[in-house]
Amino acid sequence: MFERLQEFLKTLALPADRPSFEPGDPRLAVAALCIQVMEADGIVHESEQAQLKQILADQYDLEGSELEALIAAGREAGNEAVDYYRFTSELKRHLDESQRRNLIGLLWDMVYADGERSEMEDHALWRIADLLGVSGRDRVEERQKAALRAEHVSPDEIKPV
């Protein structure tokens, strides 16, 4: 799951001389959408917060105050936004069709980070996918893949009783 998200986030790397986390920065849009999806069910679990931090830290080589700044900027942008359009329109300009579909898969991974899926999270993903131009069929396929990834247990994790 993390490898897939890291591969996607690598496609959003920006030149080093660009100011961080300003409107139009695709990293900000991804962070904001992840936060909005996590908050869609009204409960943000520690596992979701930890996953978001780890992903952003690993991908963008952020830590400490820089990492917290991106998360805070994503939260603030999400709070200011009337709907998802602000972020999806930005990402639609930066991402091709395959990358947009991958983003939907990654957002489903965020939904399953707490082991549960709610009706509100379903609605959020439906709306985001629609705005990104990701078909209903692709959205459902990405959800099914994320559910399988969430339930997968590697042999190394199985401990003898």
N, C-alpha and C. Protein backbone atom coordinates (compact mmCIF):
# COMPACT_ATOMS: atom_id res chain seq x y z
N MET A 1 0.83 -1.18 0.00
CA MET A 1 0.00 0.00 0.00
C MET A 1 0.88 1.25 0.00
N PHE A 2 1.90 1.28 0.86
CA PHE A 2 2.75 2.46 0.94
C PHE A 2 3.54 2.66 -0.34
N GLU A 3 3.98 1.54 -0.98
CA GLU A 3 4.74 1.69 -2.21
C GLU A 3 3.90 2.36 -3.28
N ARG A 4 2.65 1.97 -3.36
CA ARG A 4 1.77 2.54 -4.37
C ARG A 4 1.56 4.03 -4.15
N LEU A 5 1.36 4.41 -2.91
CA LEU A 5 1.18 5.83 -2.60
C LEU A 5 2.46 6.60 -2.86
N GLN A 6 3.59 6.02 -2.51
CA GLN A 6 4.86 6.69 -2.75
C GLN A 6 5.10 6.89 -4.24
N GLU A 7 4.80 5.88 -5.05
CA GLU A 7 4.96 6.02 -6.50
C GLU A 7 4.09 7.15 -7.04
N PHE A 8 2.87 7.21 -6.57
CA PHE A 8 1.98 8.28 -7.01
C PHE A 8 2.51 9.65 -6.59
N LEU A 9 2.89 9.77 -5.34
CA LEU A 9 3.34 11.06 -4.83
C LEU A 9 4.62 11.53 -5.50
N LYS A 10 5.45 10.60 -5.97
CA LYS A 10 6.65 10.98 -6.70
C LYS A 10 6.31 11.75 -7.97
N THR A 11 5.16 11.44 -8.54
CA THR A 11 4.76 12.13 -9.77
C THR A 11 4.38 13.57 -9.51
N LEU A 12 4.23 13.94 -8.24
CA LEU A 12 3.83 15.29 -7.90
C LEU A 12 5.00 16.15 -7.41
N ALA A 13 6.21 15.65 -7.56
CA ALA A 13 7.37 16.41 -7.09
C ALA A 13 7.46 17.73 -7.85
N LEU A 14 7.81 18.76 -7.13
CA LEU A 14 7.92 20.10 -7.70
C LEU A 14 9.36 20.57 -7.65
N PRO A 15 9.71 21.55 -8.48
CA PRO A 15 11.06 22.10 -8.42
C PRO A 15 11.37 22.63 -7.03
N ALA A 16 12.63 22.51 -6.62
CA ALA A 16 13.03 22.91 -5.27
C ALA A 16 12.88 24.41 -5.03
N ASP A 17 12.93 25.22 -6.09
CA ASP A 17 12.85 26.66 -5.89
C ASP A 17 11.43 27.19 -5.77
N ARG A 18 10.45 26.32 -5.90
CA ARG A 18 9.06 26.75 -5.78
C ARG A 18 8.68 26.88 -4.31
N PRO A 19 8.02 27.96 -3.92
CA PRO A 19 7.60 28.11 -2.52
C PRO A 19 6.69 26.95 -2.10
N SER A 20 6.81 26.55 -0.87
CA SER A 20 6.08 25.39 -0.37
C SER A 20 4.63 25.72 -0.02
N PHE A 21 3.78 24.79 -0.34
CA PHE A 21 2.40 24.72 0.13
C PHE A 21 1.55 25.93 -0.21
N GLU A 22 1.81 26.57 -1.30
CA GLU A 22 0.96 27.68 -1.74
C GLU A 22 -0.18 27.14 -2.58
N PRO A 23 -1.25 27.91 -2.77
CA PRO A 23 -2.33 27.44 -3.63
C PRO A 23 -1.77 27.05 -5.00
N GLY A 24 -2.24 25.94 -5.51
CA GLY A 24 -1.75 25.43 -6.78
C GLY A 24 -0.71 24.34 -6.61
N ASP A 25 -0.21 24.16 -5.41
CA ASP A 25 0.77 23.11 -5.13
C ASP A 25 0.01 21.78 -5.05
N PRO A 26 0.31 20.84 -5.93
CA PRO A 26 -0.43 19.57 -5.90
C PRO A 26 -0.25 18.79 -4.60
N ARG A 27 0.87 19.01 -3.89
CA ARG A 27 1.06 18.34 -2.59
C ARG A 27 0.00 18.81 -1.61
N LEU A 28 -0.31 20.08 -1.67
CA LEU A 28 -1.33 20.65 -0.80
C LEU A 28 -2.70 20.05 -1.14
N ALA A 29 -2.99 19.92 -2.43
CA ALA A 29 -4.27 19.35 -2.86
C ALA A 29 -4.40 17.90 -2.40
N VAL A 30 -3.33 17.11 -2.54
CA VAL A 30 -3.38 15.71 -2.10
C VAL A 30 -3.57 15.64 -0.59
N ALA A 31 -2.81 16.44 0.15
CA ALA A 31 -2.94 16.44 1.62
C ALA A 31 -4.35 16.83 2.03
N ALA A 32 -4.90 17.86 1.39
CA ALA A 32 -6.24 18.32 1.74
C ALA A 32 -7.29 17.25 1.45
N LEU A 33 -7.20 16.59 0.29
CA LEU A 33 -8.17 15.54 -0.03
C LEU A 33 -8.05 14.36 0.94
N CYS A 34 -6.82 13.97 1.28
CA CYS A 34 -6.63 12.89 2.25
C CYS A 34 -7.28 13.24 3.59
N ILE A 35 -7.06 14.46 4.02
CA ILE A 35 -7.63 14.89 5.30
C ILE A 35 -9.15 14.94 5.22
N GLN A 36 -9.69 15.44 4.12
CA GLN A 36 -11.15 15.50 3.99
C GLN A 36 -11.76 14.10 3.96
N VAL A 37 -11.11 13.17 3.31
CA VAL A 37 -11.62 11.80 3.28
C VAL A 37 -11.53 11.20 4.68
N MET A 38 -10.43 11.43 5.39
CA MET A 38 -10.29 10.89 6.75
C MET A 38 -11.35 11.46 7.67
N GLU A 39 -11.71 12.71 7.48
CA GLU A 39 -12.68 13.36 8.35
C GLU A 39 -14.13 13.14 7.92
N ALA A 40 -14.34 12.50 6.78
CA ALA A 40 -15.68 12.36 6.22
C ALA A 40 -16.63 11.63 7.16
N ASP A 41 -16.13 10.65 7.89
CA ASP A 41 -17.01 9.89 8.79
C ASP A 41 -17.12 10.51 10.17
N GLY A 42 -16.48 11.66 10.37
CA GLY A 42 -16.58 12.35 11.65
C GLY A 42 -15.61 11.86 12.71
N ILE A 43 -14.83 10.84 12.38
CA ILE A 43 -13.87 10.28 13.33
C ILE A 43 -12.54 10.10 12.62
N VAL A 44 -11.49 10.69 13.18
CA VAL A 44 -10.15 10.50 12.63
C VAL A 44 -9.36 9.66 13.62
N HIS A 45 -9.02 8.47 13.18
CA HIS A 45 -8.28 7.54 14.03
C HIS A 45 -6.79 7.84 13.98
N GLU A 46 -6.10 7.46 15.03
CA GLU A 46 -4.66 7.65 15.08
C GLU A 46 -3.97 6.93 13.93
N SER A 47 -4.50 5.77 13.54
CA SER A 47 -3.90 5.01 12.44
C SER A 47 -3.95 5.81 11.13
N GLU A 48 -5.01 6.56 10.92
CA GLU A 48 -5.13 7.39 9.73
C GLU A 48 -4.14 8.55 9.78
N GLN A 49 -4.04 9.18 10.92
CA GLN A 49 -3.11 10.30 11.07
C GLN A 49 -1.67 9.83 10.90
N ALA A 50 -1.35 8.71 11.51
CA ALA A 50 0.00 8.16 11.41
C ALA A 50 0.35 7.79 9.97
N GLN A 51 -0.62 7.21 9.27
CA GLN A 51 -0.37 6.83 7.88
C GLN A 51 -0.12 8.06 7.02
N LEU A 52 -0.93 9.08 7.19
CA LEU A 52 -0.75 10.31 6.42
C LEU A 52 0.62 10.93 6.69
N LYS A 53 0.99 11.02 7.95
CA LYS A 53 2.30 11.60 8.31
C LYS A 53 3.44 10.80 7.70
N GLN A 54 3.36 9.49 7.81
CA GLN A 54 4.43 8.64 7.30
C GLN A 54 4.58 8.78 5.78
N ILE A 55 3.46 8.78 5.10
CA ILE A 55 3.49 8.89 3.64
C ILE A 55 4.09 10.22 3.21
N LEU A 56 3.61 11.31 3.77
CA LEU A 56 4.12 12.63 3.39
C LEU A 56 5.59 12.79 3.78
N ALA A 57 5.97 12.27 4.94
CA ALA A 57 7.36 12.37 5.38
C ALA A 57 8.28 11.60 4.45
N ASP A 58 7.91 10.38 4.11
CA ASP A 58 8.75 9.55 3.25
C ASP A 58 8.86 10.12 1.84
N GLN A 59 7.73 10.51 1.29
CA GLN A 59 7.71 10.94 -0.10
C GLN A 59 8.38 12.28 -0.33
N TYR A 60 8.09 13.23 0.51
CA TYR A 60 8.58 14.59 0.29
C TYR A 60 9.78 14.93 1.15
N ASP A 61 10.32 13.93 1.83
CA ASP A 61 11.47 14.14 2.69
C ASP A 61 11.21 15.27 3.68
N LEU A 62 10.04 15.21 4.28
CA LEU A 62 9.64 16.22 5.27
C LEU A 62 9.68 15.60 6.65
N GLU A 63 9.99 16.42 7.61
CA GLU A 63 9.95 15.98 9.00
C GLU A 63 9.69 17.18 9.88
N GLY A 64 9.34 16.91 11.09
CA GLY A 64 9.16 17.96 12.07
C GLY A 64 8.22 19.06 11.62
N SER A 65 8.71 20.28 11.71
CA SER A 65 7.86 21.44 11.43
C SER A 65 7.42 21.53 9.97
N GLU A 66 8.26 21.06 9.04
CA GLU A 66 7.86 21.09 7.63
C GLU A 66 6.69 20.14 7.37
N LEU A 67 6.77 18.97 7.93
CA LEU A 67 5.69 17.99 7.79
C LEU A 67 4.41 18.52 8.41
N GLU A 68 4.53 19.04 9.60
CA GLU A 68 3.36 19.59 10.28
C GLU A 68 2.79 20.77 9.50
N ALA A 69 3.66 21.55 8.84
CA ALA A 69 3.20 22.69 8.04
C ALA A 69 2.36 22.23 6.85
N LEU A 70 2.79 21.15 6.18
CA LEU A 70 2.00 20.64 5.05
C LEU A 70 0.65 20.12 5.54
N ILE A 71 0.65 19.38 6.62
CA ILE A 71 -0.61 18.86 7.15
C ILE A 71 -1.52 20.00 7.60
N ALA A 72 -0.95 20.98 8.27
CA ALA A 72 -1.74 22.13 8.71
C ALA A 72 -2.28 22.91 7.51
N ALA A 73 -1.43 23.09 6.49
CA ALA A 73 -1.88 23.80 5.28
C ALA A 73 -2.98 23.01 4.58
N GLY A 74 -2.85 21.69 4.54
CA GLY A 74 -3.89 20.85 3.94
C GLY A 74 -5.19 20.94 4.71
N ARG A 75 -5.09 20.93 6.03
CA ARG A 75 -6.28 21.04 6.88
C ARG A 75 -6.94 22.41 6.70
N GLU A 76 -6.13 23.46 6.69
CA GLU A 76 -6.66 24.82 6.52
C GLU A 76 -7.31 24.99 5.15
N ALA A 77 -6.64 24.49 4.11
CA ALA A 77 -7.20 24.59 2.77
C ALA A 77 -8.52 23.83 2.69
N GLY A 78 -8.57 22.66 3.31
CA GLY A 78 -9.80 21.88 3.32
C GLY A 78 -10.92 22.58 4.06
N ASN A 79 -10.59 23.25 5.16
CA ASN A 79 -11.60 23.98 5.92
C ASN A 79 -12.12 25.19 5.16
N GLU A 80 -11.27 25.81 4.35
CA GLU A 80 -11.67 26.98 3.58
C GLU A 80 -12.45 26.62 2.32
N ALA A 81 -12.27 25.41 1.83
CA ALA A 81 -12.89 25.01 0.57
C ALA A 81 -14.39 24.76 0.75
N VAL A 82 -15.14 25.18 -0.23
CA VAL A 82 -16.58 24.95 -0.23
C VAL A 82 -16.88 23.51 -0.61
N ASP A 83 -16.08 22.97 -1.52
CA ASP A 83 -16.25 21.59 -1.94
C ASP A 83 -14.90 21.04 -2.40
N TYR A 84 -14.91 19.89 -3.03
CA TYR A 84 -13.68 19.24 -3.47
C TYR A 84 -13.13 19.84 -4.76
N TYR A 85 -13.91 20.63 -5.44
CA TYR A 85 -13.53 21.15 -6.76
C TYR A 85 -12.20 21.89 -6.74
N ARG A 86 -11.98 22.67 -5.69
CA ARG A 86 -10.73 23.44 -5.59
C ARG A 86 -9.51 22.54 -5.76
N PHE A 87 -9.55 21.37 -5.18
CA PHE A 87 -8.40 20.46 -5.21
C PHE A 87 -8.41 19.57 -6.44
N THR A 88 -9.58 19.07 -6.80
CA THR A 88 -9.65 18.16 -7.94
C THR A 88 -9.34 18.89 -9.25
N SER A 89 -9.75 20.15 -9.37
CA SER A 89 -9.45 20.88 -10.60
C SER A 89 -7.95 21.10 -10.73
N GLU A 90 -7.29 21.36 -9.62
CA GLU A 90 -5.83 21.53 -9.63
C GLU A 90 -5.15 20.22 -10.01
N LEU A 91 -5.57 19.14 -9.39
CA LEU A 91 -4.96 17.85 -9.67
C LEU A 91 -5.27 17.37 -11.09
N LYS A 92 -6.42 17.70 -11.58
CA LYS A 92 -6.78 17.30 -12.94
C LYS A 92 -5.84 17.94 -13.96
N ARG A 93 -5.36 19.13 -13.65
CA ARG A 93 -4.39 19.80 -14.54
C ARG A 93 -3.01 19.14 -14.47
N HIS A 94 -2.68 18.55 -13.35
CA HIS A 94 -1.35 17.98 -13.16
C HIS A 94 -1.26 16.49 -13.45
N LEU A 95 -2.38 15.78 -13.40
CA LEU A 95 -2.35 14.33 -13.49
C LEU A 95 -3.01 13.82 -14.76
N ASP A 96 -2.44 12.75 -15.30
CA ASP A 96 -3.11 12.11 -16.42
C ASP A 96 -4.18 11.15 -15.89
N GLU A 97 -4.88 10.50 -16.79
CA GLU A 97 -6.01 9.64 -16.40
C GLU A 97 -5.58 8.52 -15.45
N SER A 98 -4.47 7.89 -15.76
CA SER A 98 -3.97 6.80 -14.92
C SER A 98 -3.60 7.29 -13.53
N GLN A 99 -2.97 8.43 -13.44
CA GLN A 99 -2.59 8.99 -12.14
C GLN A 99 -3.82 9.39 -11.33
N ARG A 100 -4.85 9.89 -12.00
CA ARG A 100 -6.07 10.25 -11.27
C ARG A 100 -6.74 9.00 -10.71
N ARG A 101 -6.73 7.94 -11.49
CA ARG A 101 -7.29 6.67 -11.00
C ARG A 101 -6.47 6.17 -9.81
N ASN A 102 -5.15 6.27 -9.91
CA ASN A 102 -4.30 5.86 -8.78
C ASN A 102 -4.59 6.68 -7.54
N LEU A 103 -4.84 7.97 -7.71
CA LEU A 103 -5.18 8.81 -6.57
C LEU A 103 -6.44 8.30 -5.88
N ILE A 104 -7.43 7.91 -6.67
CA ILE A 104 -8.65 7.36 -6.07
C ILE A 104 -8.32 6.09 -5.28
N GLY A 105 -7.47 5.26 -5.82
CA GLY A 105 -7.05 4.07 -5.07
C GLY A 105 -6.35 4.42 -3.78
N LEU A 106 -5.54 5.45 -3.81
CA LEU A 106 -4.83 5.87 -2.60
C LEU A 106 -5.79 6.45 -1.57
N LEU A 107 -6.79 7.17 -2.04
CA LEU A 107 -7.79 7.70 -1.11
C LEU A 107 -8.60 6.56 -0.48
N TRP A 108 -8.86 5.51 -1.26
CA TRP A 108 -9.52 4.34 -0.67
C TRP A 108 -8.61 3.71 0.38
N ASP A 109 -7.30 3.69 0.12
CA ASP A 109 -6.38 3.17 1.13
C ASP A 109 -6.48 3.98 2.42
N MET A 110 -6.65 5.28 2.29
CA MET A 110 -6.83 6.13 3.48
C MET A 110 -8.13 5.76 4.20
N VAL A 111 -9.18 5.48 3.44
CA VAL A 111 -10.46 5.08 4.04
C VAL A 111 -10.27 3.82 4.87
N TYR A 112 -9.55 2.85 4.32
CA TYR A 112 -9.38 1.56 4.99
C TYR A 112 -8.28 1.57 6.04
N ALA A 113 -7.58 2.69 6.23
CA ALA A 113 -6.50 2.74 7.23
C ALA A 113 -7.00 2.42 8.64
N ASP A 114 -8.26 2.75 8.91
CA ASP A 114 -8.82 2.47 10.24
C ASP A 114 -9.59 1.15 10.26
N GLY A 115 -9.58 0.42 9.13
CA GLY A 115 -10.24 -0.87 9.08
C GLY A 115 -11.73 -0.82 8.83
N GLU A 116 -12.26 0.37 8.61
CA GLU A 116 -13.71 0.52 8.40
C GLU A 116 -13.97 1.44 7.21
N ARG A 117 -15.15 1.28 6.64
CA ARG A 117 -15.59 2.13 5.53
C ARG A 117 -17.00 2.60 5.85
N SER A 118 -17.22 3.91 5.79
CA SER A 118 -18.54 4.45 6.10
C SER A 118 -19.24 4.96 4.85
N GLU A 119 -20.52 5.18 4.98
CA GLU A 119 -21.32 5.73 3.90
C GLU A 119 -20.82 7.13 3.50
N MET A 120 -20.40 7.90 4.48
CA MET A 120 -19.89 9.26 4.20
C MET A 120 -18.58 9.20 3.42
N GLU A 121 -17.73 8.25 3.75
CA GLU A 121 -16.48 8.08 3.02
C GLU A 121 -16.76 7.63 1.59
N ASP A 122 -17.73 6.72 1.43
CA ASP A 122 -18.15 6.30 0.08
C ASP A 122 -18.59 7.51 -0.74
N HIS A 123 -19.41 8.35 -0.14
CA HIS A 123 -19.92 9.53 -0.84
C HIS A 123 -18.77 10.48 -1.21
N ALA A 124 -17.85 10.69 -0.30
CA ALA A 124 -16.71 11.57 -0.57
C ALA A 124 -15.90 11.04 -1.75
N LEU A 125 -15.63 9.75 -1.76
CA LEU A 125 -14.85 9.18 -2.86
C LEU A 125 -15.62 9.21 -4.17
N TRP A 126 -16.92 8.99 -4.12
CA TRP A 126 -17.73 9.08 -5.33
C TRP A 126 -17.63 10.49 -5.92
N ARG A 127 -17.76 11.48 -5.08
CA ARG A 127 -17.73 12.88 -5.53
C ARG A 127 -16.35 13.27 -6.07
N ILE A 128 -15.30 12.89 -5.36
CA ILE A 128 -13.93 13.20 -5.80
C ILE A 128 -13.64 12.52 -7.13
N ALA A 129 -13.99 11.25 -7.23
CA ALA A 129 -13.76 10.51 -8.48
C ALA A 129 -14.50 11.16 -9.64
N ASP A 130 -15.73 11.55 -9.39
CA ASP A 130 -16.52 12.20 -10.44
C ASP A 130 -15.84 13.50 -10.90
N LEU A 131 -15.38 14.30 -9.97
CA LEU A 131 -14.73 15.56 -10.32
C LEU A 131 -13.39 15.35 -11.02
N LEU A 132 -12.73 14.24 -10.73
CA LEU A 132 -11.45 13.94 -11.38
C LEU A 132 -11.64 13.26 -12.73
N GLY A 133 -12.88 12.91 -13.06
CA GLY A 133 -13.14 12.23 -14.32
C GLY A 133 -12.82 10.75 -14.28
N VAL A 134 -12.84 10.17 -13.09
CA VAL A 134 -12.61 8.74 -12.92
C VAL A 134 -13.97 8.06 -12.95
N SER A 135 -14.11 7.07 -13.80
CA SER A 135 -15.41 6.42 -13.99
C SER A 135 -15.85 5.67 -12.73
N GLY A 136 -17.15 5.43 -12.66
CA GLY A 136 -17.70 4.67 -11.55
C GLY A 136 -17.10 3.27 -11.48
N ARG A 137 -16.91 2.67 -12.63
CA ARG A 137 -16.34 1.33 -12.67
C ARG A 137 -14.91 1.34 -12.11
N ASP A 138 -14.11 2.32 -12.54
CA ASP A 138 -12.73 2.42 -12.04
C ASP A 138 -12.71 2.70 -10.55
N ARG A 139 -13.63 3.54 -10.09
CA ARG A 139 -13.71 3.86 -8.66
C ARG A 139 -14.00 2.61 -7.85
N VAL A 140 -14.94 1.80 -8.31
CA VAL A 140 -15.30 0.58 -7.60
C VAL A 140 -14.14 -0.42 -7.64
N GLU A 141 -13.48 -0.53 -8.79
CA GLU A 141 -12.33 -1.44 -8.88
C GLU A 141 -11.22 -1.02 -7.92
N GLU A 142 -10.98 0.28 -7.82
CA GLU A 142 -9.96 0.78 -6.90
C GLU A 142 -10.37 0.52 -5.45
N ARG A 143 -11.64 0.64 -5.15
CA ARG A 143 -12.12 0.33 -3.80
C ARG A 143 -11.90 -1.14 -3.48
N GLN A 144 -12.23 -2.01 -4.42
CA GLN A 144 -12.06 -3.45 -4.19
C GLN A 144 -10.59 -3.80 -3.99
N LYS A 145 -9.71 -3.19 -4.77
CA LYS A 145 -8.28 -3.43 -4.62
C LYS A 145 -7.79 -2.95 -3.24
N ALA A 146 -8.26 -1.78 -2.84
CA ALA A 146 -7.86 -1.24 -1.53
C ALA A 146 -8.36 -2.14 -0.41
N ALA A 147 -9.57 -2.67 -0.54
CA ALA A 147 -10.11 -3.56 0.48
C ALA A 147 -9.26 -4.83 0.59
N LEU A 148 -8.84 -5.35 -0.55
CA LEU A 148 -7.97 -6.54 -0.53
C LEU A 148 -6.62 -6.22 0.11
N ARG A 149 -6.08 -5.05 -0.22
CA ARG A 149 -4.79 -4.67 0.39
C ARG A 149 -4.94 -4.51 1.90
N ALA A 150 -6.05 -3.96 2.34
CA ALA A 150 -6.27 -3.74 3.77
C ALA A 150 -6.41 -5.05 4.52
N GLU A 151 -6.93 -6.07 3.87
CA GLU A 151 -7.16 -7.36 4.53
C GLU A 151 -5.98 -8.32 4.37
N HIS A 152 -5.03 -7.95 3.55
CA HIS A 152 -3.90 -8.84 3.26
C HIS A 152 -2.97 -8.94 4.47
N VAL A 153 -2.60 -10.17 4.78
CA VAL A 153 -1.64 -10.42 5.86
C VAL A 153 -0.50 -11.23 5.25
N SER A 154 0.72 -10.71 5.35
CA SER A 154 1.86 -11.43 4.79
C SER A 154 2.24 -12.58 5.71
N PRO A 155 2.89 -13.60 5.15
CA PRO A 155 3.29 -14.76 5.96
C PRO A 155 4.21 -14.37 7.13
N ASP A 156 5.01 -13.31 6.96
CA ASP A 156 5.90 -12.86 8.03
C ASP A 156 5.13 -12.34 9.24
N GLU A 157 3.91 -11.88 9.01
CA GLU A 157 3.12 -11.31 10.10
C GLU A 157 2.34 -12.37 10.88
N ILE A 158 2.26 -13.57 10.34
CA ILE A 158 1.52 -14.64 11.01
C ILE A 158 2.45 -15.29 12.02
N LYS A 159 2.04 -15.26 13.27
CA LYS A 159 2.86 -15.83 14.33
C LYS A 159 2.23 -17.14 14.79
N PRO A 160 3.06 -18.16 15.02
CA PRO A 160 2.51 -19.43 15.50
C PRO A 160 1.86 -19.25 16.87
N VAL A 161 0.78 -20.01 17.06
CA VAL A 161 0.06 -19.94 18.34
C VAL A 161 0.72 -20.79 19.38
